């Protein structure tokens, strides 16, 4: 049972946390692709920008959350979402809208997004420095240890306060997005434009409004993902380097242009990462005495070392592109 608890802490909980972050990030990538038909490589940097805005606001008002007993970073998150959404809309108007007006090919938009990536990275490093910083300025990160009522089980299930907030906010964001896309007029217009932009425009749908709403949603979700990840670990200006490949892998695994596929893909990639770096020797310890004497288990049975975790999404990406290029949800649009 102690080994099982270790598995729950290091795979089930850790995989759910990582998968939630990747899912929220991948939703933004797939929404932008489904509406504007290009891969936005600067999305991970927008996630980093959102977390940086929360850091600035938390540093400016460190005691804002003490009165209601929640981390100040969460109090500042809605304002950071607005700022990040404004940045996303501003980037579109300044860089992508002129390119669309000239009717350039999607690959030109992709190259433009790489330029935006470099610009955002430089600005974030200029103002934040190069070191990591905690979003818990005047707060304490609570750690909950849940003891199991079984004889001989000494190890508790460990979950932190930001992880609980992460699960709740992810659930709320997914439900809200589902209701928006399926119940609201704007959501239905987004789905129509995703299916056929020309027909949507001919039907009287204001495509400029749909594009702006898409950037607002993508920017707000990016701020949520970047902030919740930084709360769980720490804020780093190079956060985007570790997020870009996984969120694109999640979007492709689920099916590019399909938001529900992005959610599924996020959890697939997240659990694949945690399972790949998990030391399976821990689960085999209870069976060690029953193994043949000539079979000696190595001390580390992880598929890859923790430092190589970033390569896991790459292999998943290659495998999906070879085996099922349309993704799990067959690349359906929203």
Protein backbone atom coordinates (compact mmCIF):
# COMPACT_ATOMS: atom_id res chain seq x y z
CA UNK A 1 0.00 0.00 0.00
CA UNK A 2 2.88 2.41 0.68
CA UNK A 3 4.11 1.81 -2.86
CA UNK A 4 0.60 2.44 -4.18
CA UNK A 5 0.42 5.73 -2.29
CA UNK A 6 3.79 6.67 -3.80
CA UNK A 7 2.32 5.93 -7.24
CA UNK A 8 -0.75 8.06 -6.52
CA UNK A 9 1.38 11.01 -5.40
CA UNK A 10 3.91 10.85 -8.23
CA UNK A 11 1.75 9.71 -11.15
CA UNK A 12 -1.97 10.23 -10.52
CA UNK A 13 -1.77 13.64 -8.84
CA UNK A 14 1.31 14.86 -10.73
CA UNK A 15 -0.11 13.67 -14.06
CA UNK A 16 -3.44 15.37 -13.38
CA UNK A 17 -1.68 18.64 -12.53
CA UNK A 18 0.51 18.54 -15.64
CA UNK A 19 -2.37 17.42 -17.84
CA UNK A 20 -4.60 20.26 -16.61
CA UNK A 21 -1.93 22.85 -17.45
CA UNK A 22 -1.34 21.38 -20.91
CA UNK A 23 -5.08 21.08 -21.57
CA UNK A 24 -5.79 24.75 -20.82
CA UNK A 25 -2.83 25.83 -22.93
CA UNK A 26 -3.75 23.53 -25.81
CA UNK A 27 -7.32 24.86 -25.91
CA UNK A 28 -5.97 28.30 -26.77
CA UNK A 29 -3.73 26.88 -29.50
CA UNK A 30 -6.54 24.89 -31.08
CA UNK A 31 -9.05 27.77 -30.91
CA UNK A 32 -6.63 30.08 -32.71
CA UNK A 33 -5.93 27.43 -35.33
CA UNK A 34 -9.60 26.64 -35.90
CA UNK A 35 -10.52 30.31 -36.44
CA UNK A 36 -7.38 31.76 -38.07
CA UNK A 37 -5.86 28.62 -39.58
CA UNK A 38 -2.29 29.02 -38.35
CA UNK A 39 -0.15 27.58 -35.55
CA UNK A 40 0.50 30.31 -32.99
CA UNK A 41 3.97 29.60 -31.62
CA UNK A 42 3.86 32.63 -29.32
CA UNK A 43 1.06 31.12 -27.21
CA UNK A 44 3.43 29.70 -24.60
CA UNK A 45 4.98 33.16 -24.20
CA UNK A 46 1.53 34.65 -23.69
CA UNK A 47 1.10 32.09 -20.88
CA UNK A 48 4.39 33.30 -19.39
CA UNK A 49 3.27 36.92 -19.76
CA UNK A 50 0.05 36.16 -17.86
CA UNK A 51 1.99 34.62 -14.99
CA UNK A 52 4.36 37.62 -15.00
CA UNK A 53 1.41 40.02 -14.73
CA UNK A 54 0.18 38.10 -11.70
CA UNK A 55 3.68 38.30 -10.19
CA UNK A 56 3.81 42.09 -10.69
CA UNK A 57 0.33 42.61 -9.23
CA UNK A 58 1.03 40.28 -6.30
CA UNK A 59 4.27 42.10 -5.54
CA UNK A 60 2.45 45.45 -5.66
CA UNK A 61 -0.43 44.29 -3.41
CA UNK A 62 1.01 41.38 -1.37
CA UNK A 63 -1.64 41.36 1.36
CA UNK A 64 -4.72 41.50 -0.88
CA UNK A 65 -5.64 37.87 -0.33
CA UNK A 66 -5.00 37.65 3.39
CA UNK A 67 -8.43 39.02 4.34
CA UNK A 68 -10.31 36.18 2.62
CA UNK A 69 -7.75 33.44 3.17
CA UNK A 70 -6.69 32.72 -0.43
CA UNK A 71 -3.35 33.34 -2.15
CA UNK A 72 -2.98 36.90 -3.39
CA UNK A 73 -1.98 35.56 -6.81
CA UNK A 74 -5.49 34.13 -7.28
CA UNK A 75 -7.06 37.47 -6.36
CA UNK A 76 -4.91 39.12 -9.04
CA UNK A 77 -5.60 36.43 -11.65
CA UNK A 78 -8.81 38.00 -13.12
CA UNK A 79 -7.00 41.32 -13.67
CA UNK A 80 -4.05 39.48 -15.22
CA UNK A 81 -6.48 37.64 -17.50
CA UNK A 82 -7.81 40.99 -18.74
CA UNK A 83 -4.29 42.32 -19.32
CA UNK A 84 -3.22 39.16 -21.12
CA UNK A 85 -6.36 39.14 -23.26
CA UNK A 86 -5.67 42.79 -24.15
CA UNK A 87 -2.10 41.85 -25.09
CA UNK A 88 -3.36 39.00 -27.31
CA UNK A 89 -5.83 41.30 -29.09
CA UNK A 90 -3.15 43.98 -29.45
CA UNK A 91 -0.67 41.50 -30.95
CA UNK A 92 -3.29 40.42 -33.46
CA UNK A 93 -4.10 43.98 -34.51
CA UNK A 94 -0.43 45.00 -34.71
CA UNK A 95 1.08 41.92 -36.36
CA UNK A 96 -1.41 39.34 -37.64
CA UNK A 97 -4.30 41.47 -38.93
CA UNK A 98 -2.11 43.33 -41.51
CA UNK A 99 -0.83 39.96 -42.73
CA UNK A 100 -4.38 38.61 -43.09
CA UNK A 101 -5.37 41.78 -44.94
CA UNK A 102 -2.65 41.05 -47.51
CA UNK A 103 -3.90 37.48 -47.90
CA UNK A 104 -0.60 35.84 -46.95
CA UNK A 105 -0.27 32.09 -46.63
CA UNK A 106 -0.53 30.46 -43.19
CA UNK A 107 3.20 29.69 -43.13
CA UNK A 108 3.89 33.44 -43.20
CA UNK A 109 1.65 33.84 -40.14
CA UNK A 110 3.58 31.07 -38.41
CA UNK A 111 6.89 32.80 -39.13
CA UNK A 112 5.37 36.04 -37.84
CA UNK A 113 4.39 34.28 -34.60
CA UNK A 114 8.01 33.19 -34.16
CA UNK A 115 8.99 36.86 -34.32
CA UNK A 116 6.35 37.67 -31.70
CA UNK A 117 7.78 34.86 -29.56
CA UNK A 118 11.26 36.39 -29.59
CA UNK A 119 9.85 39.84 -28.83
CA UNK A 120 7.81 38.63 -25.84
CA UNK A 121 10.68 36.55 -24.48
CA UNK A 122 13.02 39.54 -24.63
CA UNK A 123 10.53 41.87 -22.93
CA UNK A 124 9.73 39.39 -20.15
CA UNK A 125 13.42 38.75 -19.45
CA UNK A 126 14.14 42.49 -19.53
CA UNK A 127 11.64 43.28 -16.78
CA UNK A 128 11.64 40.07 -14.72
CA UNK A 129 15.30 39.08 -14.84
CA UNK A 130 16.52 35.57 -15.47
CA UNK A 131 15.94 33.90 -12.10
CA UNK A 132 12.88 32.13 -10.72
CA UNK A 133 10.45 33.90 -8.40
CA UNK A 134 7.65 32.55 -6.22
CA UNK A 135 4.12 33.87 -6.64
CA UNK A 136 3.68 33.36 -2.90
CA UNK A 137 4.98 36.76 -1.79
CA UNK A 138 3.40 37.20 1.65
CA UNK A 139 1.47 33.92 1.62
CA UNK A 140 2.38 30.40 2.67
CA UNK A 141 1.83 27.47 0.37
CA UNK A 142 -0.31 24.98 2.26
CA UNK A 143 0.50 21.27 1.92
CA UNK A 144 -2.19 18.76 2.85
CA UNK A 145 -1.21 15.25 3.94
CA UNK A 146 -4.09 12.78 3.88
CA UNK A 147 -3.46 9.69 5.96
CA UNK A 148 -5.16 6.51 4.74
CA UNK A 149 -7.03 4.38 7.33
CA UNK A 150 -5.24 1.14 6.44
CA UNK A 151 -2.96 -0.85 8.69
CA UNK A 152 0.70 -0.60 7.77
CA UNK A 153 0.25 2.41 5.50
CA UNK A 154 2.65 5.07 6.75
CA UNK A 155 2.90 7.29 3.67
CA UNK A 156 0.14 9.91 3.27
CA UNK A 157 -1.37 11.21 0.04
CA UNK A 158 0.15 14.65 -0.48
CA UNK A 159 -1.60 17.45 -2.34
CA UNK A 160 -0.79 21.15 -2.24
CA UNK A 161 -3.09 24.15 -2.06
CA UNK A 162 -2.33 25.41 -5.61
CA UNK A 163 -3.04 21.95 -7.00
CA UNK A 164 -6.53 22.00 -5.48
CA UNK A 165 -7.15 25.44 -6.96
CA UNK A 166 -5.81 24.15 -10.28
CA UNK A 167 -8.28 21.26 -10.45
CA UNK A 168 -11.24 23.48 -9.50
CA UNK A 169 -10.35 26.31 -11.91
CA UNK A 170 -9.68 23.84 -14.75
CA UNK A 171 -13.09 22.25 -14.26
CA UNK A 172 -14.80 25.66 -14.14
CA UNK A 173 -12.93 26.86 -17.26
CA UNK A 174 -13.79 23.73 -19.26
CA UNK A 175 -17.48 23.84 -18.29
CA UNK A 176 -17.67 27.58 -19.02
CA UNK A 177 -16.04 27.10 -22.43
CA UNK A 178 -18.43 24.25 -23.25
CA UNK A 179 -21.47 26.36 -22.35
CA UNK A 180 -20.10 29.34 -24.29
CA UNK A 181 -19.44 27.37 -27.47
CA UNK A 182 -22.76 25.53 -27.41
CA UNK A 183 -25.24 27.96 -25.84
CA UNK A 184 -24.18 31.51 -26.70
CA UNK A 185 -24.63 33.28 -30.05
CA UNK A 186 -20.95 34.20 -30.17
CA UNK A 187 -19.96 30.61 -29.49
CA UNK A 188 -22.20 29.31 -32.27
CA UNK A 189 -20.79 31.99 -34.58
CA UNK A 190 -17.27 30.81 -33.72
CA UNK A 191 -18.23 27.26 -34.60
CA UNK A 192 -19.74 28.44 -37.89
CA UNK A 193 -16.62 30.41 -38.77
CA UNK A 194 -14.46 27.44 -37.85
CA UNK A 195 -16.44 25.22 -40.25
CA UNK A 196 -16.51 27.64 -43.18
CA UNK A 197 -15.17 31.22 -42.84
CA UNK A 198 -16.46 32.35 -46.25
CA UNK A 199 -19.98 31.02 -45.65
CA UNK A 200 -20.01 32.52 -42.14
CA UNK A 201 -19.08 35.93 -43.52
CA UNK A 202 -21.71 35.65 -46.26
CA UNK A 203 -24.30 34.80 -43.57
CA UNK A 204 -23.69 38.14 -41.87
CA UNK A 205 -21.34 37.00 -39.10
CA UNK A 206 -18.84 39.72 -38.16
CA UNK A 207 -15.60 37.82 -38.59
CA UNK A 208 -13.53 40.61 -37.02
CA UNK A 209 -15.55 40.29 -33.82
CA UNK A 210 -15.11 36.51 -33.82
CA UNK A 211 -11.35 36.88 -34.26
CA UNK A 212 -11.17 39.37 -31.38
CA UNK A 213 -13.26 37.10 -29.11
CA UNK A 214 -11.02 34.17 -29.97
CA UNK A 215 -7.94 36.12 -28.91
CA UNK A 216 -9.65 37.22 -25.70
CA UNK A 217 -10.51 33.62 -24.77
CA UNK A 218 -7.08 32.32 -25.74
CA UNK A 219 -5.33 35.09 -23.80
CA UNK A 220 -7.45 34.61 -20.69
CA UNK A 221 -6.91 30.83 -20.71
CA UNK A 222 -3.18 31.37 -21.26
CA UNK A 223 -3.04 33.59 -18.16
CA UNK A 224 -4.84 30.92 -16.13
CA UNK A 225 -2.49 28.14 -17.25
CA UNK A 226 0.70 30.14 -16.75
CA UNK A 227 -0.37 31.40 -13.34
CA UNK A 228 -1.50 28.04 -11.98
CA UNK A 229 1.73 26.40 -13.15
CA UNK A 230 3.81 29.15 -11.52
CA UNK A 231 1.81 28.79 -8.30
CA UNK A 232 2.51 25.07 -8.21
CA UNK A 233 6.24 25.40 -8.91
CA UNK A 234 7.72 28.88 -9.46
CA UNK A 235 7.68 31.62 -12.06
CA UNK A 236 10.54 31.53 -14.54
CA UNK A 237 10.98 33.83 -17.56
CA UNK A 238 11.81 30.80 -19.72
CA UNK A 239 8.57 29.03 -18.79
CA UNK A 240 7.50 29.05 -22.44
CA UNK A 241 10.45 26.85 -23.43
CA UNK A 242 9.05 23.99 -21.35
CA UNK A 243 5.43 24.60 -22.39
CA UNK A 244 5.56 25.13 -26.15
CA UNK A 245 6.18 21.56 -27.29
CA UNK A 246 3.80 19.88 -24.79
CA UNK A 247 0.83 22.14 -25.57
CA UNK A 248 1.30 21.72 -29.32
CA UNK A 249 1.67 17.97 -28.85
CA UNK A 250 -1.55 17.98 -26.81
CA UNK A 251 -3.41 19.95 -29.50
CA UNK A 252 -2.21 17.58 -32.24
CA UNK A 253 -2.84 14.42 -30.21
CA UNK A 254 -6.43 15.51 -29.54
CA UNK A 255 -7.00 16.72 -33.09
CA UNK A 256 -6.07 20.23 -34.20
CA UNK A 257 -9.09 22.53 -34.18
CA UNK A 258 -11.05 20.44 -31.67
CA UNK A 259 -11.14 22.02 -28.17
CA UNK A 260 -12.40 18.85 -26.48
CA UNK A 261 -9.63 16.94 -28.20
CA UNK A 262 -7.15 19.48 -26.81
CA UNK A 263 -8.37 18.70 -23.30
CA UNK A 264 -7.98 14.96 -23.86
CA UNK A 265 -4.61 15.48 -25.53
CA UNK A 266 -3.40 17.57 -22.60
CA UNK A 267 -4.06 14.77 -20.15
CA UNK A 268 -2.57 12.16 -22.49
CA UNK A 269 0.68 14.12 -22.76
CA UNK A 270 0.69 14.99 -19.05
CA UNK A 271 0.27 11.39 -17.90
CA UNK A 272 2.73 10.15 -20.53
CA UNK A 273 5.37 12.47 -19.09
CA UNK A 274 4.80 11.40 -15.49
CA UNK A 275 4.65 7.70 -16.36
CA UNK A 276 7.87 7.98 -18.37
CA UNK A 277 9.88 9.47 -15.49
CA UNK A 278 8.30 7.35 -12.73
CA UNK A 279 10.61 4.81 -11.09
CA UNK A 280 8.72 1.54 -11.59
CA UNK A 281 11.11 -0.24 -9.26
CA UNK A 282 9.07 1.18 -6.37
CA UNK A 283 5.94 -0.75 -7.41
CA UNK A 284 7.93 -3.97 -7.89
CA UNK A 285 9.52 -3.92 -4.43
CA UNK A 286 6.81 -6.08 -2.79
CA UNK A 287 7.47 -8.80 -5.41
CA UNK A 288 11.26 -8.71 -5.10
CA UNK A 289 11.47 -11.80 -2.89
CA UNK A 290 9.42 -13.88 -5.34
CA UNK A 291 11.66 -13.07 -8.30
CA UNK A 292 14.36 -15.51 -9.44
CA UNK A 293 17.75 -15.00 -7.80
CA UNK A 294 19.36 -14.28 -11.17
CA UNK A 295 16.92 -11.44 -11.84
CA UNK A 296 18.06 -8.35 -9.99
CA UNK A 297 16.03 -5.19 -10.37
CA UNK A 298 17.99 -2.01 -11.08
CA UNK A 299 17.57 0.85 -8.62
CA UNK A 300 16.00 3.04 -11.31
CA UNK A 301 13.43 1.63 -13.74
CA UNK A 302 12.25 4.93 -15.22
CA UNK A 303 11.91 5.01 -19.01
CA UNK A 304 13.70 8.37 -19.17
CA UNK A 305 15.45 10.56 -16.64
CA UNK A 306 13.67 13.60 -15.25
CA UNK A 307 16.02 15.90 -17.12
CA UNK A 308 14.85 14.35 -20.41
CA UNK A 309 11.12 14.66 -19.69
CA UNK A 310 10.80 17.31 -22.40
CA UNK A 311 11.50 14.69 -25.11
CA UNK A 312 8.39 12.67 -24.22
CA UNK A 313 5.92 15.06 -25.95
CA UNK A 314 8.20 15.04 -28.99
CA UNK A 315 7.99 11.25 -29.31
CA UNK A 316 4.23 11.35 -28.75
CA UNK A 317 3.96 14.02 -31.44
CA UNK A 318 5.95 11.96 -33.95
CA UNK A 319 3.99 8.79 -33.15
CA UNK A 320 0.62 10.52 -33.58
CA UNK A 321 1.68 12.17 -36.85
CA UNK A 322 2.76 8.76 -38.20
CA UNK A 323 -0.02 6.60 -36.77
CA UNK A 324 -3.02 8.98 -36.74
CA UNK A 325 -2.27 12.40 -38.25
CA UNK A 326 -5.78 13.67 -37.59
CA UNK A 327 -5.48 13.03 -33.84
CA UNK A 328 -7.75 11.19 -31.43
CA UNK A 329 -10.78 13.28 -32.42
CA UNK A 330 -9.97 13.15 -36.15
CA UNK A 331 -9.13 16.83 -36.35
CA UNK A 332 -12.72 17.99 -36.21
CA UNK A 333 -13.27 21.71 -35.91
CA UNK A 334 -15.30 23.26 -33.12
